[in-house]
């Protein structure tokens, strides 16, 4: 996949940032054991630092999870700018065919403002319950659920609200959310590799599922910093950007008990307020941090395993990067940072003595996070430069020896590296367009194998769904 520069480049020194501060930021992320996939820092509209941890690269789109919500917010703003929607418009009026016959009067009052601020009146995320109630109609399921609070009074992080906003935008605009944002935002900005995960009906999730090359994310942040202006064109109104990025309600952290200071600063319209500026955030560590006071945007994509690590990233920015503003250093320091950024890599499995012959095993799917069906036959064949692993008739994966090998048996790419370890064949398999990877363990003597996720994708543990193009990871719902 080709890559097109969306933002101009500069150096930390020329943009007034300490390259040593960026180095300290990298050190802190390593100390906190955060598996980073990419980092981009933009100041005064120029990218001053960028790096990808191999096998991740600049050309590959990365799953943004709930950072997608911030893009949907802009779509709502565009519809409001066009006079097609208003903050007072009610779900029941815009999507009347989705209203249950016995809908409560309280549910009838839920409007665009309530959805954007996640203050519809529920005390927990409604997504699973609403889909269980109405698999073919999430909007109807959502409106059928009892409400514990008066709309507009309590913030509860709720994925259903953004799904409904996406459907409302589509209804009033007459086009799908991907097409709407593509024409109005992505195309004018030169972002040409947006991919969307979809539900069984073909609709984009809206609250999750947008895949973008890393550079598109800080460009989005820069668009917000500029008040919706790009190349002298007002893509979305300044009024909407300011409204969306302003505290609308006191926020509650999405994980009870987590130390999330920056998630308790308030919630806007699908944006989190922060101790400095505001940010969009996606599961497993997808960050777009916008800091207007320093004309700064920081983007991190990663595979965080713990909720606390989201706060760790923000703490590192506040503690280490911000003190480096307006404290530029020498060109030598800039070059040292550039060299480090160009050599970033995830750990490589080391090769040891193993079998050159074909190995056959049967998959045990009982471990938590198993990715393929029980009793799938796993066979390993030596090839030049590594191995080819067959998972029955389901898929094949190329596995490199001392290097990453790429394959795309079902249409979407994976990168894998393997090694022999004392009678076991092990391989790390990365679904390279997202934060998740798998560990394959094959016990040659026992003839058994396991294939488990490091972190299970939120939509499905079925690996095949994440490797098929186009992406429909919840074919069971609409």
Protein backbone atom coordinates (compact mmCIF):
# COMPACT_ATOMS: atom_id res chain seq x y z
CA UNK A 1 0.00 0.00 0.00
CA UNK A 2 1.42 3.36 -1.01
CA UNK A 3 1.90 6.24 1.37
CA UNK A 4 1.18 9.86 0.61
CA UNK A 5 2.61 12.64 2.79
CA UNK A 6 -0.25 14.63 4.31
CA UNK A 7 1.79 16.91 6.57
CA UNK A 8 5.16 18.61 5.95
CA UNK A 9 8.29 17.52 7.85
CA UNK A 10 10.62 19.45 10.09
CA UNK A 11 13.07 18.73 12.90
CA UNK A 12 12.63 19.03 16.65
CA UNK A 13 15.23 21.79 16.71
CA UNK A 14 13.52 23.85 14.00
CA UNK A 15 10.12 23.46 15.69
CA UNK A 16 11.29 24.27 19.18
CA UNK A 17 11.10 20.84 20.81
CA UNK A 18 13.83 19.16 22.80
CA UNK A 19 14.86 15.97 21.02
CA UNK A 20 16.07 14.70 24.40
CA UNK A 21 12.51 15.12 25.73
CA UNK A 22 11.23 12.91 22.91
CA UNK A 23 13.94 10.37 23.74
CA UNK A 24 12.83 10.40 27.37
CA UNK A 25 9.26 9.83 26.20
CA UNK A 26 10.40 6.75 24.29
CA UNK A 27 12.31 5.55 27.35
CA UNK A 28 9.22 5.91 29.56
CA UNK A 29 7.03 3.97 27.15
CA UNK A 30 9.59 1.15 27.22
CA UNK A 31 9.83 1.28 31.02
CA UNK A 32 6.06 0.91 31.27
CA UNK A 33 6.20 -2.14 28.95
CA UNK A 34 3.86 -0.53 26.45
CA UNK A 35 3.97 -2.34 23.12
CA UNK A 36 4.03 0.65 20.78
CA UNK A 37 3.34 0.35 17.06
CA UNK A 38 3.80 3.97 15.96
CA UNK A 39 4.54 7.43 17.27
CA UNK A 40 4.08 10.79 15.57
CA UNK A 41 4.63 14.25 17.03
CA UNK A 42 3.42 17.37 15.21
CA UNK A 43 4.25 20.93 16.18
CA UNK A 44 3.29 24.09 14.31
CA UNK A 45 1.80 21.88 11.60
CA UNK A 46 5.01 19.92 10.91
CA UNK A 47 5.86 16.33 11.79
CA UNK A 48 9.00 16.55 13.90
CA UNK A 49 9.30 12.93 15.04
CA UNK A 50 7.91 9.70 13.58
CA UNK A 51 8.62 6.05 14.05
CA UNK A 52 7.15 2.57 13.60
CA UNK A 53 8.05 -0.56 15.51
CA UNK A 54 8.76 -3.25 12.90
CA UNK A 55 6.90 -5.08 11.46
CA UNK A 56 4.50 -2.10 11.63
CA UNK A 57 5.15 0.47 8.90
CA UNK A 58 3.97 3.88 7.78
CA UNK A 59 2.08 2.39 4.84
CA UNK A 60 -0.18 0.10 6.89
CA UNK A 61 -3.52 1.34 8.20
CA UNK A 62 -4.02 0.67 11.92
CA UNK A 63 -7.29 -0.06 13.73
CA UNK A 64 -8.25 2.96 15.85
CA UNK A 65 -10.98 1.30 17.91
CA UNK A 66 -12.93 4.02 19.79
CA UNK A 67 -10.80 6.84 18.43
CA UNK A 68 -13.23 6.30 15.54
CA UNK A 69 -15.85 8.03 17.69
CA UNK A 70 -14.08 11.36 17.33
CA UNK A 71 -14.34 11.10 13.53
CA UNK A 72 -18.05 10.30 13.82
CA UNK A 73 -18.42 13.43 15.94
CA UNK A 74 -17.04 15.47 13.05
CA UNK A 75 -19.53 13.78 10.72
CA UNK A 76 -22.33 14.91 13.05
CA UNK A 77 -20.89 18.42 13.02
CA UNK A 78 -20.89 18.44 9.22
CA UNK A 79 -24.54 17.40 9.17
CA UNK A 80 -25.35 20.18 11.63
CA UNK A 81 -23.32 22.68 9.59
CA UNK A 82 -25.41 21.65 6.56
CA UNK A 83 -28.65 22.24 8.45
CA UNK A 84 -29.56 18.55 8.20
CA UNK A 85 -29.39 17.88 11.95
CA UNK A 86 -29.54 19.81 15.19
CA UNK A 87 -28.46 19.02 18.73
CA UNK A 88 -32.14 18.91 19.74
CA UNK A 89 -33.18 16.38 17.09
CA UNK A 90 -34.51 13.22 18.69
CA UNK A 91 -33.66 9.68 17.69
CA UNK A 92 -37.36 8.82 17.61
CA UNK A 93 -38.02 11.55 15.04
CA UNK A 94 -35.02 10.94 12.76
CA UNK A 95 -35.24 7.12 12.83
CA UNK A 96 -38.96 6.52 13.47
CA UNK A 97 -39.06 2.99 12.03
CA UNK A 98 -36.61 1.87 14.73
CA UNK A 99 -38.78 3.02 17.64
CA UNK A 100 -40.32 0.17 19.69
CA UNK A 101 -44.12 0.17 19.97
CA UNK A 102 -43.87 0.37 23.76
CA UNK A 103 -41.04 2.93 23.88
CA UNK A 104 -40.97 4.95 27.10
CA UNK A 105 -41.59 8.68 27.08
CA UNK A 106 -38.11 9.13 28.55
CA UNK A 107 -36.52 7.25 25.64
CA UNK A 108 -38.49 9.38 23.18
CA UNK A 109 -36.66 12.44 24.52
CA UNK A 110 -33.13 11.17 23.73
CA UNK A 111 -31.56 13.60 21.28
CA UNK A 112 -28.31 14.26 19.44
CA UNK A 113 -26.78 16.16 22.37
CA UNK A 114 -27.46 13.24 24.71
CA UNK A 115 -25.89 10.77 22.29
CA UNK A 116 -22.80 12.90 21.66
CA UNK A 117 -22.16 13.50 25.35
CA UNK A 118 -23.16 9.93 26.28
CA UNK A 119 -25.80 11.14 28.71
CA UNK A 120 -28.81 9.18 27.43
CA UNK A 121 -29.66 7.93 30.91
CA UNK A 122 -28.14 4.45 31.20
CA UNK A 123 -25.73 3.44 33.95
CA UNK A 124 -23.60 1.06 31.88
CA UNK A 125 -22.60 0.49 28.28
CA UNK A 126 -25.69 -0.82 26.49
CA UNK A 127 -24.09 -2.38 23.41
CA UNK A 128 -24.15 -6.06 24.32
CA UNK A 129 -27.60 -5.93 25.94
CA UNK A 130 -29.16 -3.94 23.10
CA UNK A 131 -27.78 -6.30 20.46
CA UNK A 132 -28.86 -9.33 22.45
CA UNK A 133 -32.36 -7.88 22.66
CA UNK A 134 -32.54 -6.88 18.98
CA UNK A 135 -29.69 -8.43 16.91
CA UNK A 136 -31.11 -7.00 13.70
CA UNK A 137 -31.77 -3.50 15.07
CA UNK A 138 -29.41 -1.98 17.63
CA UNK A 139 -31.32 1.32 17.63
CA UNK A 140 -34.53 -0.45 18.59
CA UNK A 141 -32.73 -2.50 21.23
CA UNK A 142 -31.19 0.65 22.70
CA UNK A 143 -34.54 2.46 22.89
CA UNK A 144 -36.12 -0.61 24.52
CA UNK A 145 -33.77 -0.63 27.50
CA UNK A 146 -34.85 0.94 30.81
CA UNK A 147 -33.38 4.30 31.70
CA UNK A 148 -32.10 4.90 35.23
CA UNK A 149 -31.23 8.60 34.92
CA UNK A 150 -32.78 11.71 33.39
CA UNK A 151 -31.22 12.32 29.98
CA UNK A 152 -28.44 14.89 30.06
CA UNK A 153 -27.50 14.42 33.72
CA UNK A 154 -25.03 11.51 33.89
CA UNK A 155 -22.17 10.47 31.61
CA UNK A 156 -21.85 6.76 30.94
CA UNK A 157 -19.43 5.57 28.29
CA UNK A 158 -21.75 3.86 25.81
CA UNK A 159 -20.83 2.54 22.36
CA UNK A 160 -24.45 2.34 21.24
CA UNK A 161 -24.80 6.12 21.28
CA UNK A 162 -22.18 6.56 18.56
CA UNK A 163 -23.62 3.76 16.45
CA UNK A 164 -26.96 5.59 16.51
CA UNK A 165 -25.33 8.91 15.64
CA UNK A 166 -23.77 7.25 12.57
CA UNK A 167 -27.19 6.00 11.48
CA UNK A 168 -28.72 9.46 11.99
CA UNK A 169 -26.01 11.09 9.86
CA UNK A 170 -26.62 8.51 7.15
CA UNK A 171 -30.36 9.09 7.25
CA UNK A 172 -30.22 12.86 6.87
CA UNK A 173 -27.30 12.91 4.40
CA UNK A 174 -28.45 9.99 2.26
CA UNK A 175 -24.99 8.37 2.13
CA UNK A 176 -23.02 5.94 4.30
CA UNK A 177 -20.78 7.26 7.05
CA UNK A 178 -17.56 6.16 5.26
CA UNK A 179 -18.63 7.89 2.05
CA UNK A 180 -19.77 11.01 3.92
CA UNK A 181 -16.48 11.45 5.79
CA UNK A 182 -14.52 10.39 2.72
CA UNK A 183 -15.95 13.13 0.54
CA UNK A 184 -16.05 15.90 3.15
CA UNK A 185 -12.90 15.27 5.20
CA UNK A 186 -10.56 12.57 3.94
CA UNK A 187 -10.42 13.48 0.24
CA UNK A 188 -9.79 17.22 0.80
CA UNK A 189 -7.04 16.33 3.29
CA UNK A 190 -5.37 13.85 0.95
CA UNK A 191 -6.17 10.84 3.15
CA UNK A 192 -6.71 8.02 0.69
CA UNK A 193 -6.50 4.81 2.73
CA UNK A 194 -9.47 4.82 5.09
CA UNK A 195 -10.84 1.33 5.77
CA UNK A 196 -13.93 0.51 7.85
CA UNK A 197 -15.02 -2.53 9.81
CA UNK A 198 -18.72 -3.29 9.42
CA UNK A 199 -21.58 -5.26 10.95
CA UNK A 200 -23.57 -7.93 9.13
CA UNK A 201 -25.84 -5.42 7.38
CA UNK A 202 -22.82 -3.71 5.84
CA UNK A 203 -23.09 -0.59 8.01
CA UNK A 204 -19.91 0.84 9.55
CA UNK A 205 -19.81 0.50 13.32
CA UNK A 206 -19.23 4.23 13.79
CA UNK A 207 -18.06 3.78 17.38
CA UNK A 208 -15.12 1.63 16.27
CA UNK A 209 -13.62 0.07 13.19
CA UNK A 210 -11.88 2.90 11.32
CA UNK A 211 -8.41 1.96 10.03
CA UNK A 212 -6.06 4.76 8.99
CA UNK A 213 -2.38 5.10 8.22
CA UNK A 214 -0.75 6.73 11.23
CA UNK A 215 -0.10 10.05 9.52
CA UNK A 216 -3.81 10.56 8.90
CA UNK A 217 -4.43 10.65 12.66
CA UNK A 218 -2.16 13.61 13.55
CA UNK A 219 -3.47 15.31 10.41
CA UNK A 220 -6.96 14.95 11.90
CA UNK A 221 -5.64 16.41 15.14
CA UNK A 222 -4.08 19.27 13.21
CA UNK A 223 -7.42 19.93 11.48
CA UNK A 224 -8.96 20.37 14.92
CA UNK A 225 -6.10 22.62 16.07
CA UNK A 226 -6.76 24.83 13.04
CA UNK A 227 -10.43 25.17 13.89
CA UNK A 228 -11.59 22.94 11.03
CA UNK A 229 -9.49 24.64 8.33
CA UNK A 230 -7.33 22.68 5.88
CA UNK A 231 -5.42 24.34 3.02
CA UNK A 232 -7.48 27.51 3.47
CA UNK A 233 -10.72 25.51 3.18
CA UNK A 234 -13.18 25.37 6.09
CA UNK A 235 -13.94 21.65 6.11
CA UNK A 236 -15.96 21.72 9.35
CA UNK A 237 -17.04 24.84 11.19
CA UNK A 238 -14.87 26.32 13.93
CA UNK A 239 -18.00 26.51 16.07
CA UNK A 240 -18.44 22.74 15.90
CA UNK A 241 -14.80 21.97 16.66
CA UNK A 242 -14.91 24.24 19.70
CA UNK A 243 -18.18 22.73 20.88
CA UNK A 244 -17.03 19.13 20.43
CA UNK A 245 -13.71 19.78 22.18
CA UNK A 246 -15.33 21.55 25.15
CA UNK A 247 -16.40 19.87 28.38
CA UNK A 248 -20.09 19.03 28.13
CA UNK A 249 -20.41 16.83 31.22
CA UNK A 250 -18.43 15.44 34.13
CA UNK A 251 -16.94 12.15 33.01
CA UNK A 252 -16.64 8.75 34.61
CA UNK A 253 -13.77 6.45 33.74
CA UNK A 254 -14.63 3.50 31.52
CA UNK A 255 -12.93 1.04 33.89
CA UNK A 256 -13.97 1.22 37.53
CA UNK A 257 -11.06 1.62 39.88
CA UNK A 258 -8.51 2.58 37.24
CA UNK A 259 -6.24 5.51 38.00
CA UNK A 260 -7.32 7.60 35.04
CA UNK A 261 -6.86 11.25 35.99
CA UNK A 262 -7.20 12.46 32.40
CA UNK A 263 -10.39 10.47 31.91
CA UNK A 264 -11.97 12.32 34.82
CA UNK A 265 -11.48 15.80 33.36
CA UNK A 266 -14.80 15.78 31.53
CA UNK A 267 -16.28 14.59 28.27
CA UNK A 268 -17.14 16.65 25.20
CA UNK A 269 -18.81 15.44 22.03
CA UNK A 270 -16.97 12.13 21.55
CA UNK A 271 -13.72 13.62 22.87
CA UNK A 272 -12.13 13.32 26.32
CA UNK A 273 -10.96 16.46 28.08
CA UNK A 274 -7.43 16.33 29.53
CA UNK A 275 -5.28 18.17 32.01
CA UNK A 276 -3.76 19.68 28.87
CA UNK A 277 -6.00 20.05 25.84
CA UNK A 278 -8.23 17.16 24.80
CA UNK A 279 -7.87 13.75 23.21
CA UNK A 280 -9.47 10.93 21.30
CA UNK A 281 -8.84 7.47 22.67
CA UNK A 282 -9.27 3.92 21.40
CA UNK A 283 -9.05 0.56 23.13
CA UNK A 284 -5.62 -1.06 23.53
CA UNK A 285 -3.85 2.28 23.29
CA UNK A 286 -4.82 4.35 20.25
CA UNK A 287 -4.20 7.99 21.20
CA UNK A 288 -4.64 11.32 19.44
CA UNK A 289 -3.71 14.06 21.91
CA UNK A 290 -4.34 17.69 20.91
CA UNK A 291 -2.67 20.37 23.03
CA UNK A 292 -3.61 23.83 21.70
CA UNK A 293 -1.49 25.72 24.26
CA UNK A 294 1.65 24.29 22.64
CA UNK A 295 0.32 23.94 19.07
CA UNK A 296 1.08 20.26 19.50
CA UNK A 297 -0.42 16.92 18.42
CA UNK A 298 0.88 13.58 19.69
CA UNK A 299 -0.31 10.26 18.25
CA UNK A 300 0.48 6.79 19.55
CA UNK A 301 -0.83 3.48 18.25
CA UNK A 302 -0.11 0.49 20.43
CA UNK A 303 -1.22 -2.79 21.98
CA UNK A 304 -1.71 -1.87 25.63
CA UNK A 305 -2.64 -4.82 27.80
CA UNK A 306 -3.77 -2.90 30.88
CA UNK A 307 -6.21 -0.02 31.31
CA UNK A 308 -3.68 1.91 33.37
CA UNK A 309 -1.32 2.09 30.41
CA UNK A 310 -3.63 4.57 28.68
CA UNK A 311 -2.99 6.96 31.55
CA UNK A 312 0.72 6.06 31.52
CA UNK A 313 0.99 7.38 27.94
CA UNK A 314 -0.67 10.67 28.86
CA UNK A 315 1.45 11.02 31.99
CA UNK A 316 4.58 10.53 29.90
CA UNK A 317 3.52 13.31 27.54
CA UNK A 318 2.81 15.72 30.41
CA UNK A 319 5.87 14.78 32.49
CA UNK A 320 8.50 14.49 29.79
CA UNK A 321 7.44 16.00 26.48
CA UNK A 322 5.77 19.23 27.57
CA UNK A 323 8.80 20.40 29.58
CA UNK A 324 10.75 20.10 26.33
CA UNK A 325 8.66 22.72 24.55
CA UNK A 326 10.62 25.77 23.37
CA UNK A 327 13.87 24.11 24.43
CA UNK A 328 15.50 23.08 21.18
CA UNK A 329 18.85 21.32 21.11
CA UNK A 330 21.61 20.64 18.62
CA UNK A 331 21.41 18.98 15.23
CA UNK A 332 23.50 16.15 16.72
CA UNK A 333 20.78 15.39 19.27
CA UNK A 334 18.15 15.52 16.52
CA UNK A 335 20.14 13.01 14.48
CA UNK A 336 20.52 10.66 17.44
CA UNK A 337 16.75 10.72 17.93
CA UNK A 338 16.14 10.16 14.20
CA UNK A 339 18.48 7.15 14.21
CA UNK A 340 16.62 5.63 17.14
CA UNK A 341 13.22 6.21 15.56
CA UNK A 342 14.35 4.51 12.35
CA UNK A 343 15.57 1.40 14.18
CA UNK A 344 12.48 0.65 16.29
CA UNK A 345 11.33 -2.97 16.34
CA UNK A 346 9.22 -5.38 18.30
CA UNK A 347 11.14 -8.33 19.83
CA UNK A 348 12.26 -11.04 17.43
CA UNK A 349 12.00 -14.73 18.31
CA UNK A 350 15.42 -16.36 18.09
CA UNK A 351 15.92 -19.61 16.17
CA UNK A 352 17.18 -22.74 17.90
CA UNK A 353 17.73 -26.30 16.68
CA UNK A 354 14.52 -27.94 15.53
CA UNK A 355 13.04 -30.30 13.00
CA UNK A 356 13.46 -29.88 9.25
CA UNK A 357 10.59 -32.28 8.67
CA UNK A 358 6.89 -31.63 8.47
CA UNK A 359 5.10 -31.52 11.82
CA UNK A 360 1.41 -32.21 12.30
CA UNK A 361 -0.61 -31.39 15.43
CA UNK A 362 -4.21 -30.90 16.48
CA UNK A 363 -5.40 -27.56 17.83
CA UNK A 364 -6.62 -27.45 21.43
CA UNK A 365 -9.11 -24.57 21.56
CA UNK A 366 -9.81 -24.82 25.30
CA UNK A 367 -7.39 -22.06 26.44
CA UNK A 368 -8.93 -18.62 26.90
CA UNK A 369 -8.54 -16.47 23.81
CA UNK A 370 -8.28 -19.32 21.36
CA UNK A 371 -8.51 -18.04 17.79
CA UNK A 372 -9.57 -21.02 15.65
CA UNK A 373 -11.92 -23.99 16.07
CA UNK A 374 -11.07 -26.99 18.24
CA UNK A 375 -9.40 -29.94 16.47
CA UNK A 376 -8.17 -27.85 13.54
CA UNK A 377 -5.22 -29.72 12.03
CA UNK A 378 -2.02 -27.66 12.24
CA UNK A 379 0.84 -28.65 9.94
CA UNK A 380 4.26 -26.99 9.69
CA UNK A 381 6.37 -27.29 6.57
CA UNK A 382 9.92 -25.96 6.22
CA UNK A 383 10.37 -23.52 3.34
CA UNK A 384 13.19 -21.25 2.28
CA UNK A 385 13.62 -18.59 4.95
CA UNK A 386 11.20 -20.11 7.43
CA UNK A 387 8.04 -22.17 7.51
CA UNK A 388 4.55 -22.36 6.11
CA UNK A 389 1.88 -23.16 8.70
CA UNK A 390 -1.37 -24.69 7.48
CA UNK A 391 -4.41 -24.40 9.71
CA UNK A 392 -6.47 -27.12 8.07
CA UNK A 393 -8.35 -25.69 5.11
CA UNK A 394 -8.98 -22.41 6.97
CA UNK A 395 -5.81 -20.46 6.22
CA UNK A 396 -2.05 -20.62 5.62
CA UNK A 397 0.49 -18.35 7.32
CA UNK A 398 4.06 -17.70 6.18
CA UNK A 399 6.40 -17.62 9.20
CA UNK A 400 9.89 -16.15 8.97
CA UNK A 401 13.04 -17.47 10.62
CA UNK A 402 14.88 -14.53 12.20
CA UNK A 403 12.78 -12.16 10.13
CA UNK A 404 9.17 -11.15 9.64
CA UNK A 405 7.30 -12.91 6.83
CA UNK A 406 4.07 -11.52 5.41
CA UNK A 407 1.09 -13.36 3.94
CA UNK A 408 -2.55 -12.60 3.21
CA UNK A 409 -4.32 -15.93 2.72
CA UNK A 410 -7.82 -14.52 3.37
CA UNK A 411 -7.24 -11.05 1.92
CA UNK A 412 -5.80 -9.11 4.85
CA UNK A 413 -2.13 -9.23 5.85
CA UNK A 414 -0.42 -10.90 8.78
CA UNK A 415 3.26 -10.81 9.71
CA UNK A 416 4.83 -13.73 11.55
CA UNK A 417 8.13 -14.89 12.98
CA UNK A 418 8.90 -18.31 14.47
CA UNK A 419 11.48 -20.45 16.26
CA UNK A 420 12.09 -23.91 17.71
CA UNK A 421 12.39 -24.14 21.48
CA UNK A 422 13.13 -27.50 23.15
CA UNK A 423 10.66 -29.63 21.24
CA UNK A 424 8.19 -26.80 20.73
CA UNK A 425 7.58 -24.72 17.64
CA UNK A 426 6.50 -21.19 18.55
CA UNK A 427 5.42 -18.31 16.35
CA UNK A 428 4.20 -14.77 16.89
CA UNK A 429 1.51 -13.88 14.35
CA UNK A 430 0.55 -10.21 14.07
CA UNK A 431 -2.70 -9.03 12.55
CA UNK A 432 -0.65 -6.16 11.25
CA UNK A 433 -3.48 -3.68 10.62
CA UNK A 434 -4.45 -3.61 14.29
CA UNK A 435 -3.15 -3.94 17.84
CA UNK A 436 -3.59 -7.70 18.24
CA UNK A 437 -1.29 -10.64 17.77
CA UNK A 438 -1.32 -14.35 18.50
CA UNK A 439 1.09 -16.91 19.89
CA UNK A 440 1.22 -20.34 18.24
CA UNK A 441 2.63 -23.11 20.41
CA UNK A 442 3.11 -26.59 18.94
CA UNK A 443 4.13 -29.47 21.20
CA UNK A 444 5.73 -31.86 18.70
CA UNK A 445 5.87 -34.88 21.02
CA UNK A 446 2.27 -34.53 22.23
CA UNK A 447 0.97 -33.63 18.78
CA UNK A 448 -1.04 -30.70 20.15
CA UNK A 449 -1.09 -26.99 19.42
CA UNK A 450 -2.61 -23.80 20.82
CA UNK A 451 -3.25 -20.51 19.04
CA UNK A 452 -4.23 -17.72 21.44
CA UNK A 453 -4.58 -13.94 21.30
CA UNK A 454 -2.35 -11.70 23.41
CA UNK A 455 -5.40 -9.47 23.78
CA UNK A 456 -8.70 -10.71 22.36
CA UNK A 457 -10.27 -8.34 19.80
CA UNK A 458 -13.39 -6.70 21.18
CA UNK A 459 -15.61 -7.83 18.31
CA UNK A 460 -14.69 -11.52 17.99
CA UNK A 461 -12.00 -14.05 18.86
CA UNK A 462 -12.45 -15.76 15.46
CA UNK A 463 -9.20 -15.06 13.60
CA UNK A 464 -10.80 -15.64 10.20
CA UNK A 465 -13.16 -12.70 10.65
CA UNK A 466 -10.19 -10.34 11.15
CA UNK A 467 -8.39 -11.56 8.03
CA UNK A 468 -11.18 -11.44 5.48
CA UNK A 469 -11.70 -8.46 3.21
CA UNK A 470 -13.92 -6.53 3.40
CA UNK A 471 -14.01 -6.52 7.18
CA UNK A 472 -17.25 -7.68 8.79
CA UNK A 473 -16.27 -8.82 12.26
CA UNK A 474 -19.82 -8.97 13.64
CA UNK A 475 -21.79 -10.76 10.91
CA UNK A 476 -24.31 -11.81 13.54
CA UNK A 477 -25.71 -8.30 14.13
CA UNK A 478 -26.99 -5.38 12.08
